[in-house]
């Protein structure tokens, strides 16, 4: 994706340097703008998905730790009851 953006920017600068027509320049700018907007949308989507996945993993870890703590406390109570 970055290569495409760089390539489009390079083509745009070549047309400008060669005195390319304004319509071609505008078209290239619009294409670059669309590509950048698409890339930003993809990045936002990936960040949201990654953050959600990370939060889900952390939630599961906390559940596991909480269950282990509950089990440990239950075992302590059972041992106390057996010793009485």
Protein backbone atom coordinates (compact mmCIF):
# COMPACT_ATOMS: atom_id res chain seq x y z
CA UNK A 1 0.00 0.00 0.00
CA UNK A 2 2.82 2.40 0.85
CA UNK A 3 4.55 1.58 -2.41
CA UNK A 4 1.40 2.50 -4.32
CA UNK A 5 1.17 5.83 -2.52
CA UNK A 6 4.82 6.58 -3.16
CA UNK A 7 4.44 5.59 -6.80
CA UNK A 8 1.40 7.83 -7.22
CA UNK A 9 3.21 10.72 -5.54
CA UNK A 10 6.21 10.18 -7.83
CA UNK A 11 4.01 10.09 -10.94
CA UNK A 12 2.24 13.22 -9.76
CA UNK A 13 5.51 15.08 -9.23
CA UNK A 14 6.76 13.99 -12.67
CA UNK A 15 3.63 15.34 -14.36
CA UNK A 16 3.95 18.59 -12.44
CA UNK A 17 7.66 18.89 -13.32
CA UNK A 18 6.92 18.18 -16.99
CA UNK A 19 4.13 20.73 -17.06
CA UNK A 20 1.39 18.12 -17.04
CA UNK A 21 -2.14 19.30 -17.42
CA UNK A 22 -4.09 20.41 -14.38
CA UNK A 23 -6.76 17.79 -14.96
CA UNK A 24 -4.19 15.00 -14.76
CA UNK A 25 -2.72 16.60 -11.65
CA UNK A 26 -6.15 16.82 -10.03
CA UNK A 27 -6.93 13.24 -11.00
CA UNK A 28 -3.68 12.00 -9.47
CA UNK A 29 -4.28 14.05 -6.33
CA UNK A 30 -7.78 12.61 -6.03
CA UNK A 31 -6.43 9.08 -6.48
CA UNK A 32 -3.80 9.70 -3.82
CA UNK A 33 -6.43 11.19 -1.52
CA UNK A 34 -8.70 8.16 -2.02
CA UNK A 35 -5.83 5.73 -1.40
CA UNK A 36 -4.82 7.58 1.76
CA UNK A 37 -8.42 7.63 3.03
CA UNK A 38 -8.78 3.90 2.31
CA UNK A 39 -5.50 3.22 4.09
CA UNK A 40 -6.60 5.22 7.11
CA UNK A 41 -9.90 3.33 7.25
CA UNK A 42 -8.01 0.02 7.09
CA UNK A 43 -5.64 1.17 9.82
CA UNK A 44 -8.54 2.26 12.05
CA UNK A 45 -10.28 -1.07 11.52
CA UNK A 46 -7.09 -3.01 12.31
CA UNK A 47 -6.44 -0.94 15.43
CA UNK A 48 -10.01 -1.48 16.67
CA UNK A 49 -9.83 -5.22 16.02
CA UNK A 50 -6.44 -5.48 17.68
CA UNK A 51 -7.58 -3.50 20.72
CA UNK A 52 -10.72 -5.61 21.06
CA UNK A 53 -8.70 -8.82 20.80
CA UNK A 54 -6.24 -7.58 23.42
CA UNK A 55 -9.06 -6.60 25.78
CA UNK A 56 -10.73 -9.98 25.33
CA UNK A 57 -7.43 -11.72 26.14
CA UNK A 58 -6.99 -9.58 29.25
CA UNK A 59 -10.56 -10.32 30.33
CA UNK A 60 -9.96 -14.05 29.99
CA UNK A 61 -6.71 -13.79 31.95
CA UNK A 62 -8.51 -11.97 34.76
CA UNK A 63 -11.27 -14.58 34.80
CA UNK A 64 -8.68 -17.34 35.05
CA UNK A 65 -6.81 -15.57 37.83
CA UNK A 66 -10.06 -14.91 39.68
CA UNK A 67 -11.10 -18.56 39.43
CA UNK A 68 -7.69 -19.69 40.68
CA UNK A 69 -8.02 -17.35 43.67
CA UNK A 70 -11.51 -18.68 44.41
CA UNK A 71 -10.24 -22.27 44.21
CA UNK A 72 -7.29 -21.49 46.47
CA UNK A 73 -9.53 -19.87 49.09
CA UNK A 74 -11.99 -22.77 48.93
CA UNK A 75 -9.13 -25.23 49.47
CA UNK A 76 -7.95 -23.25 52.52
CA UNK A 77 -11.44 -23.36 54.02
CA UNK A 78 -11.73 -27.09 53.40
CA UNK A 79 -8.35 -27.69 55.07
CA UNK A 80 -9.41 -25.63 58.10
CA UNK A 81 -12.66 -27.61 58.38
CA UNK A 82 -10.78 -30.94 58.19
CA UNK A 83 -8.35 -29.85 60.92
CA UNK A 84 -11.15 -29.01 63.36
